[in-house]
């Protein structure tokens, strides 16, 4: 097996395991991976339109709606009208949503620490360079 094949297989495996493990951790908090990711993104901005959030989550608009319905039902977000566009909605965290987003960010930090505990700074820098190159290659190919 070539190094490129081994690398891509390991990358897929690590990605799946990270998603599965993080999903398990946020589920103990009454969230799903998708809801946690949405809270993290919304916590970084005052508010986002549904389109911006769907793009950031890399999901389609119709997939986002039930996700937002669940967050709204939990009292974590509010949908607000966008001035000048009756169809568009902005998504904003409620105060409870801001608290939950801060809590999820704490979970992310602990998760990151656990997952990367034996990885050196130098190895991380190399991996980041590799990922940046891969991203450029994928963007060029699309």
Protein backbone atom coordinates (compact mmCIF):
# COMPACT_ATOMS: atom_id res chain seq x y z
CA UNK A 1 0.00 0.00 0.00
CA UNK A 2 1.40 3.42 -0.93
CA UNK A 3 1.87 6.25 1.56
CA UNK A 4 -0.85 8.24 -0.23
CA UNK A 5 -3.30 5.36 0.13
CA UNK A 6 -2.40 4.81 3.78
CA UNK A 7 -2.66 8.53 4.51
CA UNK A 8 -6.10 8.89 2.95
CA UNK A 9 -7.40 5.77 4.72
CA UNK A 10 -6.06 6.98 8.07
CA UNK A 11 -7.55 10.43 7.46
CA UNK A 12 -10.99 8.92 6.79
CA UNK A 13 -10.70 6.72 9.89
CA UNK A 14 -9.61 9.56 12.17
CA UNK A 15 -12.34 11.82 10.83
CA UNK A 16 -15.07 9.23 11.45
CA UNK A 17 -13.74 8.39 14.92
CA UNK A 18 -13.51 12.06 15.89
CA UNK A 19 -17.10 12.67 14.79
CA UNK A 20 -18.34 9.57 16.61
CA UNK A 21 -16.49 10.36 19.84
CA UNK A 22 -17.46 14.04 19.89
CA UNK A 23 -21.07 13.15 19.07
CA UNK A 24 -21.10 10.76 22.04
CA UNK A 25 -19.75 13.49 24.32
CA UNK A 26 -22.29 16.13 23.29
CA UNK A 27 -25.15 13.62 23.46
CA UNK A 28 -24.53 13.36 27.21
CA UNK A 29 -25.35 17.09 27.22
CA UNK A 30 -28.63 16.59 25.34
CA UNK A 31 -27.22 17.73 22.00
CA UNK A 32 -26.25 16.16 18.71
CA UNK A 33 -23.08 16.78 16.74
CA UNK A 34 -25.03 18.96 14.29
CA UNK A 35 -26.60 21.06 17.03
CA UNK A 36 -23.27 21.45 18.79
CA UNK A 37 -21.58 22.57 15.56
CA UNK A 38 -24.37 25.09 14.93
CA UNK A 39 -24.00 26.48 18.46
CA UNK A 40 -20.23 26.80 18.03
CA UNK A 41 -20.65 28.70 14.76
CA UNK A 42 -23.41 30.94 16.10
CA UNK A 43 -21.32 31.64 19.20
CA UNK A 44 -18.60 33.13 16.99
CA UNK A 45 -20.96 35.72 15.44
CA UNK A 46 -23.82 37.80 16.74
CA UNK A 47 -26.15 36.18 14.25
CA UNK A 48 -26.15 34.50 10.86
CA UNK A 49 -28.72 34.06 8.16
CA UNK A 50 -30.02 30.56 7.62
CA UNK A 51 -28.14 30.46 4.31
CA UNK A 52 -24.85 31.48 5.94
CA UNK A 53 -25.29 28.87 8.66
CA UNK A 54 -26.18 26.12 6.18
CA UNK A 55 -23.09 27.00 4.13
CA UNK A 56 -20.86 27.01 7.21
CA UNK A 57 -22.25 23.63 8.29
CA UNK A 58 -21.95 22.37 4.69
CA UNK A 59 -25.57 21.22 4.60
CA UNK A 60 -28.56 22.09 2.44
CA UNK A 61 -31.17 24.57 3.60
CA UNK A 62 -33.94 21.95 3.96
CA UNK A 63 -31.64 19.90 6.22
CA UNK A 64 -31.02 22.96 8.39
CA UNK A 65 -34.70 23.64 9.15
CA UNK A 66 -35.31 20.67 11.50
CA UNK A 67 -31.97 21.36 13.18
CA UNK A 68 -33.05 24.95 13.86
CA UNK A 69 -36.51 23.77 14.95
CA UNK A 70 -34.85 21.60 17.61
CA UNK A 71 -32.55 24.39 18.82
CA UNK A 72 -35.50 26.78 18.94
CA UNK A 73 -37.58 24.24 20.88
CA UNK A 74 -34.72 23.97 23.40
CA UNK A 75 -34.79 27.76 23.76
CA UNK A 76 -31.24 28.13 22.42
CA UNK A 77 -31.91 30.22 19.30
CA UNK A 78 -34.35 32.76 17.93
CA UNK A 79 -35.24 33.30 14.29
CA UNK A 80 -35.42 36.98 13.44
CA UNK A 81 -36.59 38.68 10.25
CA UNK A 82 -33.99 40.26 7.98
CA UNK A 83 -34.63 43.91 7.12
CA UNK A 84 -35.55 44.23 3.46
CA UNK A 85 -36.06 40.50 2.85
CA UNK A 86 -39.28 38.95 4.14
CA UNK A 87 -38.18 35.42 3.26
CA UNK A 88 -34.76 35.51 4.95
CA UNK A 89 -34.29 34.81 8.64
CA UNK A 90 -31.36 35.56 10.88
CA UNK A 91 -30.49 33.08 13.59
CA UNK A 92 -29.38 34.47 16.94
CA UNK A 93 -28.48 32.72 20.16
CA UNK A 94 -30.66 33.37 23.17
CA UNK A 95 -28.93 33.95 26.50
CA UNK A 96 -29.42 30.23 27.23
CA UNK A 97 -27.94 29.51 23.79
CA UNK A 98 -24.91 31.68 24.55
CA UNK A 99 -24.35 29.75 27.78
CA UNK A 100 -24.74 26.44 25.96
CA UNK A 101 -22.36 27.58 23.18
CA UNK A 102 -19.75 28.50 25.82
CA UNK A 103 -20.23 25.10 27.45
CA UNK A 104 -19.84 23.32 24.09
CA UNK A 105 -16.66 25.30 23.44
CA UNK A 106 -15.35 23.95 26.74
CA UNK A 107 -16.20 20.43 25.57
CA UNK A 108 -14.35 21.12 22.31
CA UNK A 109 -11.23 22.25 24.19
CA UNK A 110 -11.27 19.17 26.41
CA UNK A 111 -11.88 16.92 23.40
CA UNK A 112 -9.06 18.55 21.45
CA UNK A 113 -6.73 18.12 24.42
CA UNK A 114 -7.63 14.44 24.77
CA UNK A 115 -7.31 13.66 21.07
CA UNK A 116 -4.05 15.55 20.51
CA UNK A 117 -2.33 14.88 23.84
CA UNK A 118 0.65 12.95 22.43
CA UNK A 119 1.04 14.93 19.21
CA UNK A 120 3.93 17.40 19.06
CA UNK A 121 3.59 21.01 17.90
CA UNK A 122 5.95 20.25 15.01
CA UNK A 123 3.81 17.31 13.86
CA UNK A 124 0.68 19.47 14.08
CA UNK A 125 2.30 22.18 11.96
CA UNK A 126 3.23 19.62 9.30
CA UNK A 127 -0.31 18.20 9.33
CA UNK A 128 -1.79 21.69 8.98
CA UNK A 129 0.44 22.38 5.96
CA UNK A 130 -0.64 19.08 4.41
CA UNK A 131 -4.33 19.88 5.00
CA UNK A 132 -3.93 23.37 3.50
CA UNK A 133 -2.32 21.86 0.41
CA UNK A 134 -5.07 19.26 0.14
CA UNK A 135 -7.72 21.99 0.46
CA UNK A 136 -6.11 24.03 -2.33
CA UNK A 137 -5.96 20.92 -4.52
CA UNK A 138 -9.64 20.15 -3.90
CA UNK A 139 -10.66 23.74 -4.61
CA UNK A 140 -8.68 23.67 -7.85
CA UNK A 141 -10.34 20.38 -8.83
CA UNK A 142 -13.90 21.63 -8.26
